[in-house]
Amino acid sequence: MFLKDKKAAVTGGGRGIGRAISLALASEGADVAILDLDDAGAKETAALVEKTGRSALAFPLDVSRFSEVEVKVNKILDLWGGLDIVVNNAGITRDALLIRMSEKDWDQVLAVNLKGAFNLCRAAGRGMMKQRSGCVINIASIIGLMGNAGQINYAASKGGLIALTKSLAKETAARGIRVNAVAPGFISTEMTEKIPEKIREEMIKAIPLGRMGTPEDVAAAVLFLASPAASYITGQVLVVDGGMRI
């Protein structure tokens, strides 16, 4: 258990990719704090983490509000004494073409997907810098690398998250903190299940491995980046897309 007794925080951990990440970290010995706007979902994930024998915390959280993030991080620090791993997974979509996209849809996506990661990094970063160790993993997207029509807000937020990752990696490396990103492709989640079947089939045809990814595929990449096997890796973007961008 190469993460034995490490303390982790995962945003958007109430379901889907966030839940898979939380369980993967727990499977290797980490205690996990699940932070999600969906309090019930966070508690369900916490219960699953505890079934692995690890400790879990569950807090409702709007990641776009720094004051809330700071309060929850301080609670975790009071209870556990520190944080070793931070996973910024919380994210939303509000898709529309530019001429139809409202200012509210733009602001909400940037506030959750990009500002939310900034907020957690800022709140948790001071403690990591004091302990001179830590690992931050940001869940970006291949859309942040290649763009997508009808998703300029989402693409901008994920592209910004990748830039944040690289810049923060440079800022914190001297303090022993590693910062990396995972960029998932077409992953089977509640979000992608809403896509019409015909469009889903066309998207799968564009994936060389011939299938959609699973939340566990993304969680495995996060687990690698959080592990000692990635101790010399920082500022990188690990693409998990079945070869979609080849």
Protein backbone atom coordinates (compact mmCIF):
# COMPACT_ATOMS: atom_id res chain seq x y z
CA MET A 1 0.00 0.00 0.00
CA PHE A 2 2.25 2.76 -1.31
CA LEU A 3 0.00 5.57 -0.05
CA LYS A 4 -0.40 4.16 3.45
CA ASP A 5 -1.56 6.84 5.89
CA LYS A 6 -1.36 9.62 3.30
CA LYS A 7 -4.14 12.20 3.52
CA ALA A 8 -5.99 13.11 0.33
CA ALA A 9 -8.76 15.52 -0.67
CA VAL A 10 -10.85 15.00 -3.81
CA THR A 11 -13.31 17.57 -5.13
CA GLY A 12 -16.32 16.34 -7.07
CA GLY A 13 -15.83 13.02 -5.30
CA GLY A 14 -19.52 12.26 -4.89
CA ARG A 15 -19.84 10.23 -8.09
CA GLY A 16 -18.27 9.23 -11.40
CA ILE A 17 -14.59 9.95 -11.89
CA GLY A 18 -14.23 11.59 -8.47
CA ARG A 19 -15.65 8.55 -6.71
CA ALA A 20 -13.36 6.21 -8.67
CA ILE A 21 -10.36 8.37 -7.74
CA SER A 22 -11.32 8.39 -4.07
CA LEU A 23 -11.63 4.60 -3.99
CA ALA A 24 -8.38 4.10 -5.90
CA LEU A 25 -6.47 6.28 -3.42
CA ALA A 26 -8.05 4.43 -0.50
CA SER A 27 -7.16 1.08 -2.06
CA GLU A 28 -3.49 2.02 -1.71
CA GLY A 29 -3.79 3.14 1.90
CA ALA A 30 -4.80 6.80 1.77
CA ASP A 31 -7.42 8.42 3.98
CA VAL A 32 -9.71 10.48 1.76
CA ALA A 33 -11.75 13.66 2.28
CA ILE A 34 -14.55 13.88 -0.28
CA LEU A 35 -15.70 17.41 -1.16
CA ASP A 36 -18.77 17.82 -3.32
CA LEU A 37 -21.71 20.15 -3.84
CA ASP A 38 -23.80 16.95 -3.63
CA ASP A 39 -23.56 16.22 0.10
CA ALA A 40 -25.43 12.91 -0.20
CA GLY A 41 -23.08 11.72 -2.95
CA ALA A 42 -20.04 12.71 -0.90
CA LYS A 43 -21.33 10.73 2.06
CA GLU A 44 -21.98 7.68 -0.15
CA THR A 45 -18.40 7.79 -1.43
CA ALA A 46 -17.09 8.23 2.11
CA ALA A 47 -18.99 5.12 3.18
CA LEU A 48 -17.40 3.16 0.33
CA VAL A 49 -13.94 4.44 1.30
CA GLU A 50 -14.50 3.32 4.88
CA LYS A 51 -15.37 -0.18 3.64
CA THR A 52 -11.76 -0.43 2.41
CA GLY A 53 -10.60 0.10 5.98
CA ARG A 54 -9.46 3.68 5.49
CA SER A 55 -10.76 6.83 7.17
CA ALA A 56 -13.01 9.20 5.22
CA LEU A 57 -14.48 12.66 5.61
CA ALA A 58 -17.36 14.10 3.61
CA PHE A 59 -18.12 17.79 3.28
CA PRO A 60 -20.57 19.71 1.08
CA LEU A 61 -18.61 22.32 -0.85
CA ASP A 62 -19.01 24.93 -3.56
CA VAL A 63 -15.45 25.03 -4.89
CA SER A 64 -16.05 28.38 -6.59
CA ARG A 65 -16.20 30.15 -3.19
CA PHE A 66 -12.78 30.56 -1.60
CA SER A 67 -14.19 31.23 1.87
CA GLU A 68 -15.99 27.86 1.82
CA VAL A 69 -12.94 26.04 0.51
CA GLU A 70 -10.70 27.58 3.18
CA VAL A 71 -13.10 26.56 5.97
CA LYS A 72 -13.30 22.95 4.75
CA VAL A 73 -9.55 22.64 4.23
CA ASN A 74 -8.95 23.98 7.74
CA LYS A 75 -11.38 21.38 9.10
CA ILE A 76 -9.44 18.63 7.35
CA LEU A 77 -6.16 19.97 8.69
CA ASP A 78 -7.58 20.17 12.22
CA LEU A 79 -8.76 16.56 12.05
CA TRP A 80 -5.86 15.01 10.16
CA GLY A 81 -2.97 17.38 10.72
CA GLY A 82 -2.08 17.77 7.07
CA LEU A 83 -2.81 17.04 3.42
CA ASP A 84 -0.50 15.09 1.13
CA ILE A 85 -2.61 14.76 -2.02
CA VAL A 86 -5.08 17.19 -3.58
CA VAL A 87 -7.18 16.20 -6.60
CA ASN A 88 -9.10 18.97 -8.35
CA ASN A 89 -11.80 17.00 -10.10
CA ALA A 90 -14.94 19.14 -9.68
CA GLY A 91 -16.25 20.28 -13.03
CA ILE A 92 -19.39 21.26 -14.92
CA THR A 93 -20.45 21.91 -18.51
CA ARG A 94 -22.81 24.52 -19.94
CA ASP A 95 -22.53 23.85 -23.66
CA ALA A 96 -23.66 26.26 -26.37
CA LEU A 97 -22.33 27.95 -29.47
CA LEU A 98 -20.69 31.32 -28.86
CA ILE A 99 -23.58 33.42 -30.14
CA ARG A 100 -26.00 31.51 -27.87
CA MET A 101 -23.83 31.24 -24.78
CA SER A 102 -24.90 33.43 -21.90
CA GLU A 103 -22.52 35.35 -19.71
CA LYS A 104 -23.82 33.27 -16.79
CA ASP A 105 -22.90 29.99 -18.53
CA TRP A 106 -19.40 31.31 -19.23
CA ASP A 107 -18.90 32.55 -15.67
CA GLN A 108 -20.22 29.40 -13.98
CA VAL A 109 -17.99 27.02 -15.91
CA LEU A 110 -14.86 29.12 -15.35
CA ALA A 111 -15.76 29.60 -11.67
CA VAL A 112 -16.08 25.88 -10.96
CA ASN A 113 -13.56 24.30 -13.34
CA LEU A 114 -10.74 26.83 -13.08
CA LYS A 115 -11.27 29.10 -10.10
CA GLY A 116 -12.29 26.07 -8.03
CA ALA A 117 -8.89 24.49 -8.61
CA PHE A 118 -7.16 27.77 -7.79
CA ASN A 119 -9.15 28.00 -4.57
CA LEU A 120 -8.21 24.53 -3.33
CA CYS A 121 -4.57 24.88 -4.35
CA ARG A 122 -4.38 28.19 -2.52
CA ALA A 123 -6.10 26.88 0.61
CA ALA A 124 -4.07 23.66 0.79
CA GLY A 125 -0.82 25.01 -0.61
CA ARG A 126 0.44 26.81 2.49
CA GLY A 127 0.36 23.63 4.55
CA MET A 128 2.08 21.64 1.81
CA MET A 129 4.78 24.25 1.54
CA LYS A 130 5.38 24.15 5.30
CA GLN A 131 5.70 20.36 5.29
CA ARG A 132 7.83 20.59 2.13
CA SER A 133 5.94 17.85 0.35
CA GLY A 134 2.70 17.34 -1.49
CA CYS A 135 1.05 16.23 -4.70
CA VAL A 136 -1.56 18.16 -6.68
CA ILE A 137 -3.40 16.47 -9.54
CA ASN A 138 -5.76 18.50 -11.70
CA ILE A 139 -8.37 16.76 -13.84
CA ALA A 140 -8.28 18.63 -17.13
CA SER A 141 -9.62 17.31 -20.46
CA ILE A 142 -8.47 16.71 -24.01
CA ILE A 143 -10.91 19.51 -24.88
CA GLY A 144 -8.48 21.84 -23.14
CA LEU A 145 -5.80 20.66 -25.58
CA MET A 146 -7.76 20.48 -28.83
CA GLY A 147 -10.86 22.66 -28.35
CA ASN A 148 -14.39 21.73 -29.33
CA ALA A 149 -17.21 23.58 -31.07
CA GLY A 150 -19.99 24.45 -28.65
CA GLN A 151 -17.71 24.23 -25.63
CA ILE A 152 -15.63 27.39 -25.63
CA ASN A 153 -16.25 27.92 -21.91
CA TYR A 154 -15.32 24.34 -21.03
CA ALA A 155 -12.28 24.37 -23.34
CA ALA A 156 -11.09 27.68 -21.88
CA SER A 157 -11.47 26.40 -18.34
CA LYS A 158 -9.59 23.17 -19.00
CA GLY A 159 -6.91 24.89 -21.06
CA GLY A 160 -6.49 27.36 -18.22
CA LEU A 161 -6.25 24.47 -15.76
CA ILE A 162 -3.40 22.99 -17.78
CA ALA A 163 -1.59 26.36 -17.74
CA LEU A 164 -2.22 26.63 -13.99
CA THR A 165 -0.72 23.15 -13.56
CA LYS A 166 2.50 24.03 -15.35
CA SER A 167 2.92 27.39 -13.63
CA LEU A 168 2.19 26.03 -10.14
CA ALA A 169 4.61 23.17 -10.74
CA LYS A 170 7.37 25.73 -11.33
CA GLU A 171 6.38 27.74 -8.26
CA THR A 172 6.30 24.84 -5.81
CA ALA A 173 8.91 22.34 -6.99
CA ALA A 174 11.58 23.77 -4.69
CA ARG A 175 9.29 22.94 -1.74
CA GLY A 176 8.95 19.31 -2.77
CA ILE A 177 5.46 19.70 -4.23
CA ARG A 178 4.59 18.03 -7.53
CA VAL A 179 1.75 19.36 -9.70
CA ASN A 180 0.42 17.40 -12.67
CA ALA A 181 -2.75 17.07 -14.71
CA VAL A 182 -4.73 14.23 -16.22
CA ALA A 183 -6.59 14.94 -19.46
CA PRO A 184 -9.37 12.38 -19.97
CA GLY A 185 -10.95 11.79 -23.34
CA PHE A 186 -14.41 10.28 -23.88
CA ILE A 187 -15.23 8.73 -20.49
CA SER A 188 -18.41 6.86 -19.58
CA THR A 189 -20.07 9.01 -16.90
CA GLU A 190 -23.50 10.46 -16.16
CA MET A 191 -22.45 13.50 -18.20
CA THR A 192 -21.63 11.51 -21.36
CA GLU A 193 -24.66 9.25 -20.98
CA LYS A 194 -26.79 12.26 -21.93
CA ILE A 195 -25.19 12.39 -25.39
CA PRO A 196 -27.49 10.98 -28.11
CA GLU A 197 -26.63 7.39 -29.05
CA LYS A 198 -25.84 8.21 -32.68
CA ILE A 199 -23.29 10.86 -31.66
CA ARG A 200 -21.79 8.50 -29.07
CA GLU A 201 -21.27 5.86 -31.75
CA GLU A 202 -19.50 8.35 -34.01
CA MET A 203 -17.25 9.46 -31.17
CA ILE A 204 -16.29 5.88 -30.33
CA LYS A 205 -15.32 5.32 -33.98
CA ALA A 206 -12.73 8.10 -33.52
CA ILE A 207 -11.06 6.24 -30.64
CA PRO A 208 -8.32 3.83 -31.82
CA LEU A 209 -8.85 1.52 -28.82
CA GLY A 210 -12.49 1.24 -29.86
CA ARG A 211 -14.22 1.99 -26.59
CA MET A 212 -15.11 4.73 -24.17
CA GLY A 213 -12.89 5.10 -21.15
CA THR A 214 -14.10 4.33 -17.65
CA PRO A 215 -13.78 6.37 -14.45
CA GLU A 216 -11.39 3.66 -13.27
CA ASP A 217 -9.10 4.33 -16.26
CA VAL A 218 -8.78 7.94 -15.13
CA ALA A 219 -8.37 6.92 -11.48
CA ALA A 220 -5.48 4.63 -12.42
CA ALA A 221 -3.65 7.58 -14.00
CA VAL A 222 -4.24 9.69 -10.90
CA LEU A 223 -2.99 6.86 -8.70
CA PHE A 224 0.21 6.66 -10.73
CA LEU A 225 0.85 10.41 -10.49
CA ALA A 226 0.20 10.30 -6.72
CA SER A 227 2.57 7.38 -6.23
CA PRO A 228 6.31 7.24 -5.54
CA ALA A 229 6.69 5.89 -9.09
CA ALA A 230 6.00 9.45 -10.32
CA SER A 231 8.36 11.16 -7.87
CA TYR A 232 10.37 12.77 -10.70
CA ILE A 233 7.34 13.93 -12.69
CA THR A 234 5.89 17.44 -12.36
CA GLY A 235 4.25 19.98 -14.65
CA GLN A 236 3.01 17.28 -17.02
CA VAL A 237 -0.31 16.42 -18.63
CA LEU A 238 -1.11 12.71 -18.83
CA VAL A 239 -3.65 12.12 -21.60
CA VAL A 240 -6.08 9.24 -21.02
CA ASP A 241 -8.11 9.07 -24.23
CA GLY A 242 -7.66 5.67 -25.87
CA GLY A 243 -5.55 7.27 -28.58
CA MET A 244 -8.23 9.75 -29.66
CA ARG A 245 -5.68 12.52 -30.27
CA ILE A 246 -3.14 10.44 -32.18
